[in-house]
Amino acid sequence: MPTFETLPRFTTDLQHLTPAQRRRFHGVVLDAFVPDLRTGRQFRPGLRAKRVQRSTGIHEITWSMGAGPAERATWQYGPTRRPNTPRVIWRRMGTRDILTGP
């Protein structure tokens, strides 16, 4: 199981989401993000995982491409605390606006 950490901005972003948005995020993490991290292979296409342009070591996932704006979260890999176990540091959460300060 990967280990996680959150930056204060992520925690603030998360508190500003609606309950439905938080449920979608938790579902994406539990049903897709974590299983893909465990395999060590590429993330599934539905997560639209990629490196954030003009940044070093920051990545994003995007989901909920329905009627409203796409929801996304940015993260970076941190130093592992357990051998062979990825560590994810969640940075920001929200819509495309978060990419101005990922």
N, C-alpha and C. Protein backbone atom coordinates (compact mmCIF):
# COMPACT_ATOMS: atom_id res chain seq x y z
N MET A 1 0.85 -1.18 0.00
CA MET A 1 0.00 0.00 0.00
C MET A 1 0.89 1.24 0.00
N PRO A 2 0.71 2.16 -0.94
CA PRO A 2 1.49 3.39 -0.95
C PRO A 2 1.22 4.20 0.32
N THR A 3 2.18 5.02 0.68
CA THR A 3 1.98 5.94 1.80
C THR A 3 1.71 7.32 1.25
N PHE A 4 1.00 8.13 2.02
CA PHE A 4 0.56 9.44 1.56
C PHE A 4 0.86 10.51 2.59
N GLU A 5 0.98 11.71 2.09
CA GLU A 5 1.15 12.91 2.91
C GLU A 5 0.39 14.02 2.17
N THR A 6 -0.11 15.00 2.91
CA THR A 6 -0.79 16.12 2.25
C THR A 6 -0.13 17.42 2.68
N LEU A 7 -0.03 18.33 1.73
CA LEU A 7 0.46 19.67 2.03
C LEU A 7 -0.72 20.49 2.56
N PRO A 8 -0.45 21.54 3.33
CA PRO A 8 -1.55 22.35 3.88
C PRO A 8 -2.50 22.89 2.80
N ARG A 9 -1.97 23.29 1.63
CA ARG A 9 -2.84 23.80 0.57
C ARG A 9 -3.80 22.74 0.08
N PHE A 10 -3.36 21.49 0.02
CA PHE A 10 -4.24 20.41 -0.40
C PHE A 10 -5.37 20.24 0.60
N THR A 11 -5.04 20.26 1.87
CA THR A 11 -6.06 20.11 2.91
C THR A 11 -7.09 21.23 2.80
N THR A 12 -6.64 22.46 2.57
CA THR A 12 -7.55 23.59 2.40
C THR A 12 -8.41 23.41 1.16
N ASP A 13 -7.78 23.01 0.05
CA ASP A 13 -8.54 22.76 -1.19
C ASP A 13 -9.61 21.70 -0.96
N LEU A 14 -9.26 20.64 -0.29
CA LEU A 14 -10.18 19.53 -0.04
C LEU A 14 -11.38 19.99 0.79
N GLN A 15 -11.15 20.87 1.75
CA GLN A 15 -12.24 21.36 2.60
C GLN A 15 -13.22 22.24 1.82
N HIS A 16 -12.77 22.82 0.69
CA HIS A 16 -13.65 23.67 -0.11
C HIS A 16 -14.46 22.89 -1.15
N LEU A 17 -14.23 21.60 -1.26
CA LEU A 17 -15.00 20.79 -2.20
C LEU A 17 -16.35 20.41 -1.61
N THR A 18 -17.27 20.11 -2.49
CA THR A 18 -18.57 19.63 -2.02
C THR A 18 -18.40 18.18 -1.56
N PRO A 19 -19.33 17.67 -0.77
CA PRO A 19 -19.25 16.26 -0.38
C PRO A 19 -19.19 15.32 -1.59
N ALA A 20 -19.93 15.62 -2.64
CA ALA A 20 -19.91 14.78 -3.84
C ALA A 20 -18.53 14.80 -4.50
N GLN A 21 -17.90 15.96 -4.56
CA GLN A 21 -16.56 16.06 -5.14
C GLN A 21 -15.54 15.27 -4.31
N ARG A 22 -15.66 15.36 -2.99
CA ARG A 22 -14.75 14.60 -2.12
C ARG A 22 -14.93 13.09 -2.32
N ARG A 23 -16.19 12.65 -2.44
CA ARG A 23 -16.46 11.23 -2.67
C ARG A 23 -15.86 10.78 -3.99
N ARG A 24 -15.99 11.60 -5.04
CA ARG A 24 -15.40 11.24 -6.33
C ARG A 24 -13.89 11.12 -6.22
N PHE A 25 -13.26 12.06 -5.52
CA PHE A 25 -11.80 12.01 -5.36
C PHE A 25 -11.40 10.73 -4.63
N HIS A 26 -12.03 10.47 -3.50
CA HIS A 26 -11.69 9.26 -2.74
C HIS A 26 -11.91 8.00 -3.57
N GLY A 27 -12.99 7.97 -4.36
CA GLY A 27 -13.24 6.82 -5.22
C GLY A 27 -12.16 6.65 -6.28
N VAL A 28 -11.75 7.75 -6.90
CA VAL A 28 -10.68 7.69 -7.91
C VAL A 28 -9.39 7.19 -7.29
N VAL A 29 -9.06 7.69 -6.11
CA VAL A 29 -7.82 7.27 -5.45
C VAL A 29 -7.88 5.79 -5.09
N LEU A 30 -8.96 5.36 -4.47
CA LEU A 30 -9.06 3.96 -4.01
C LEU A 30 -9.25 2.96 -5.14
N ASP A 31 -10.03 3.34 -6.17
CA ASP A 31 -10.37 2.39 -7.22
C ASP A 31 -9.41 2.39 -8.40
N ALA A 32 -8.64 3.46 -8.58
CA ALA A 32 -7.77 3.54 -9.76
C ALA A 32 -6.33 3.93 -9.42
N PHE A 33 -6.14 5.04 -8.70
CA PHE A 33 -4.80 5.56 -8.45
C PHE A 33 -3.94 4.57 -7.65
N VAL A 34 -4.46 4.13 -6.51
CA VAL A 34 -3.69 3.22 -5.65
C VAL A 34 -3.43 1.88 -6.37
N PRO A 35 -4.44 1.25 -6.98
CA PRO A 35 -4.14 0.00 -7.68
C PRO A 35 -3.08 0.17 -8.78
N ASP A 36 -3.11 1.29 -9.49
CA ASP A 36 -2.10 1.52 -10.53
C ASP A 36 -0.72 1.73 -9.93
N LEU A 37 -0.64 2.42 -8.79
CA LEU A 37 0.65 2.58 -8.12
C LEU A 37 1.20 1.23 -7.68
N ARG A 38 0.34 0.37 -7.20
CA ARG A 38 0.77 -0.95 -6.73
C ARG A 38 1.40 -1.78 -7.84
N THR A 39 0.85 -1.67 -9.04
CA THR A 39 1.37 -2.47 -10.14
C THR A 39 2.72 -1.97 -10.63
N GLY A 40 2.98 -0.68 -10.44
CA GLY A 40 4.23 -0.11 -10.92
C GLY A 40 4.23 0.16 -12.41
N ARG A 41 3.11 -0.07 -13.07
CA ARG A 41 3.00 0.21 -14.50
C ARG A 41 2.44 1.61 -14.71
N GLN A 42 2.18 1.96 -15.94
CA GLN A 42 1.61 3.26 -16.24
C GLN A 42 0.20 3.36 -15.65
N PHE A 43 -0.20 4.61 -15.36
CA PHE A 43 -1.56 4.83 -14.89
C PHE A 43 -2.54 4.58 -16.03
N ARG A 44 -3.72 4.11 -15.68
CA ARG A 44 -4.75 3.85 -16.70
C ARG A 44 -5.11 5.16 -17.40
N PRO A 45 -5.51 5.09 -18.67
CA PRO A 45 -5.81 6.30 -19.44
C PRO A 45 -6.91 7.17 -18.82
N GLY A 46 -7.88 6.56 -18.14
CA GLY A 46 -8.98 7.32 -17.55
C GLY A 46 -8.54 8.31 -16.48
N LEU A 47 -7.36 8.13 -15.89
CA LEU A 47 -6.86 9.07 -14.89
C LEU A 47 -6.21 10.29 -15.52
N ARG A 48 -5.88 10.17 -16.79
CA ARG A 48 -5.19 11.25 -17.49
C ARG A 48 -4.01 11.77 -16.67
N ALA A 49 -3.22 10.85 -16.16
CA ALA A 49 -2.05 11.21 -15.33
C ALA A 49 -0.93 11.70 -16.24
N LYS A 50 -0.33 12.81 -15.83
CA LYS A 50 0.80 13.35 -16.59
C LYS A 50 1.58 14.32 -15.72
N ARG A 51 2.75 14.67 -16.21
CA ARG A 51 3.59 15.64 -15.51
C ARG A 51 3.03 17.04 -15.79
N VAL A 52 3.05 17.91 -14.79
CA VAL A 52 2.59 19.29 -14.96
C VAL A 52 3.68 20.04 -15.71
N GLN A 53 3.30 20.69 -16.80
CA GLN A 53 4.26 21.43 -17.61
C GLN A 53 4.88 22.58 -16.81
N ARG A 54 6.12 22.87 -17.14
CA ARG A 54 6.89 23.95 -16.50
C ARG A 54 7.02 23.75 -14.99
N SER A 55 7.12 22.49 -14.59
CA SER A 55 7.37 22.16 -13.18
C SER A 55 8.34 20.99 -13.13
N THR A 56 8.92 20.81 -11.99
CA THR A 56 9.84 19.70 -11.83
C THR A 56 9.27 18.71 -10.82
N GLY A 57 9.00 17.51 -11.27
CA GLY A 57 8.57 16.45 -10.37
C GLY A 57 7.14 16.53 -9.89
N ILE A 58 6.31 17.40 -10.49
CA ILE A 58 4.91 17.50 -10.08
C ILE A 58 4.05 16.87 -11.17
N HIS A 59 3.09 16.05 -10.73
CA HIS A 59 2.21 15.32 -11.63
C HIS A 59 0.76 15.69 -11.32
N GLU A 60 -0.12 15.37 -12.26
CA GLU A 60 -1.56 15.60 -12.03
C GLU A 60 -2.35 14.40 -12.51
N ILE A 61 -3.52 14.21 -11.90
CA ILE A 61 -4.52 13.30 -12.42
C ILE A 61 -5.78 14.12 -12.63
N THR A 62 -6.55 13.73 -13.63
CA THR A 62 -7.78 14.44 -13.96
C THR A 62 -8.90 13.42 -14.12
N TRP A 63 -10.07 13.75 -13.63
CA TRP A 63 -11.23 12.88 -13.76
C TRP A 63 -12.48 13.73 -13.82
N SER A 64 -13.65 13.09 -13.91
CA SER A 64 -14.95 13.77 -13.95
C SER A 64 -15.04 14.71 -15.13
N MET A 65 -14.97 14.13 -16.30
CA MET A 65 -15.05 14.93 -17.51
C MET A 65 -16.50 15.13 -17.95
N GLY A 66 -17.43 15.11 -17.03
CA GLY A 66 -18.86 15.24 -17.34
C GLY A 66 -19.25 16.67 -17.67
N ALA A 67 -20.39 17.10 -17.18
CA ALA A 67 -20.95 18.39 -17.54
C ALA A 67 -20.15 19.57 -17.00
N GLY A 68 -19.60 19.45 -15.80
CA GLY A 68 -18.87 20.56 -15.20
C GLY A 68 -17.40 20.53 -15.55
N PRO A 69 -16.64 21.43 -14.94
CA PRO A 69 -15.19 21.43 -15.20
C PRO A 69 -14.53 20.17 -14.64
N ALA A 70 -13.48 19.74 -15.30
CA ALA A 70 -12.76 18.56 -14.85
C ALA A 70 -12.15 18.81 -13.48
N GLU A 71 -12.18 17.79 -12.64
CA GLU A 71 -11.55 17.87 -11.34
C GLU A 71 -10.17 17.27 -11.46
N ARG A 72 -9.23 17.79 -10.70
CA ARG A 72 -7.86 17.29 -10.78
C ARG A 72 -7.18 17.44 -9.44
N ALA A 73 -6.10 16.71 -9.30
CA ALA A 73 -5.25 16.80 -8.11
C ALA A 73 -3.81 16.74 -8.58
N THR A 74 -2.95 17.47 -7.89
CA THR A 74 -1.52 17.41 -8.21
C THR A 74 -0.80 16.73 -7.06
N TRP A 75 0.29 16.04 -7.41
CA TRP A 75 1.08 15.33 -6.42
C TRP A 75 2.51 15.23 -6.89
N GLN A 76 3.36 14.84 -5.97
CA GLN A 76 4.75 14.53 -6.29
C GLN A 76 5.13 13.28 -5.51
N TYR A 77 6.14 12.61 -5.99
CA TYR A 77 6.65 11.46 -5.26
C TYR A 77 7.59 11.98 -4.18
N GLY A 78 7.50 11.40 -2.99
CA GLY A 78 8.37 11.77 -1.89
C GLY A 78 9.31 10.63 -1.55
N PRO A 79 10.22 10.89 -0.62
CA PRO A 79 11.13 9.81 -0.21
C PRO A 79 10.33 8.68 0.44
N THR A 80 10.68 7.46 0.08
CA THR A 80 9.95 6.32 0.62
C THR A 80 10.26 6.14 2.10
N ARG A 81 9.28 5.66 2.81
CA ARG A 81 9.45 5.36 4.23
C ARG A 81 9.52 3.87 4.48
N ARG A 82 9.07 3.10 3.46
CA ARG A 82 9.16 1.64 3.49
C ARG A 82 9.76 1.19 2.18
N PRO A 83 10.64 0.20 2.19
CA PRO A 83 11.26 -0.26 0.95
C PRO A 83 10.22 -0.69 -0.09
N ASN A 84 10.47 -0.30 -1.33
CA ASN A 84 9.61 -0.67 -2.47
C ASN A 84 8.17 -0.21 -2.33
N THR A 85 7.94 0.85 -1.56
CA THR A 85 6.59 1.38 -1.37
C THR A 85 6.57 2.85 -1.78
N PRO A 86 5.82 3.19 -2.83
CA PRO A 86 5.80 4.59 -3.25
C PRO A 86 5.21 5.50 -2.19
N ARG A 87 5.73 6.71 -2.13
CA ARG A 87 5.21 7.74 -1.23
C ARG A 87 4.68 8.88 -2.09
N VAL A 88 3.43 9.27 -1.87
CA VAL A 88 2.79 10.33 -2.64
C VAL A 88 2.52 11.51 -1.72
N ILE A 89 2.93 12.67 -2.17
CA ILE A 89 2.64 13.91 -1.45
C ILE A 89 1.61 14.68 -2.27
N TRP A 90 0.39 14.75 -1.76
CA TRP A 90 -0.68 15.49 -2.43
C TRP A 90 -0.45 16.98 -2.25
N ARG A 91 -0.51 17.74 -3.33
CA ARG A 91 -0.18 19.17 -3.32
C ARG A 91 -1.40 20.09 -3.43
N ARG A 92 -2.23 19.87 -4.46
CA ARG A 92 -3.40 20.72 -4.71
C ARG A 92 -4.56 19.86 -5.18
N MET A 93 -5.77 20.44 -5.13
CA MET A 93 -6.98 19.73 -5.54
C MET A 93 -7.99 20.76 -6.01
N GLY A 94 -8.64 20.51 -7.12
CA GLY A 94 -9.67 21.42 -7.61
C GLY A 94 -9.84 21.36 -9.11
N THR A 95 -10.00 22.53 -9.75
CA THR A 95 -10.15 22.59 -11.20
C THR A 95 -8.83 23.07 -11.81
N ARG A 96 -8.86 23.42 -13.07
CA ARG A 96 -7.65 23.83 -13.79
C ARG A 96 -6.93 24.99 -13.11
N ASP A 97 -7.64 25.79 -12.34
CA ASP A 97 -7.03 26.94 -11.65
C ASP A 97 -5.87 26.55 -10.75
N ILE A 98 -5.86 25.35 -10.24
CA ILE A 98 -4.79 24.94 -9.33
C ILE A 98 -3.44 24.84 -10.02
N LEU A 99 -3.45 24.77 -11.35
CA LEU A 99 -2.20 24.60 -12.08
C LEU A 99 -1.36 25.87 -12.11
N THR A 100 -1.92 26.99 -11.67
CA THR A 100 -1.12 28.22 -11.60
C THR A 100 -0.16 28.17 -10.41
N GLY A 101 -0.43 27.32 -9.46
CA GLY A 101 0.45 27.11 -8.31
C GLY A 101 0.37 25.68 -7.85
N PRO A 102 0.84 24.72 -8.73
CA PRO A 102 0.59 23.31 -8.46
C PRO A 102 1.29 22.83 -7.21
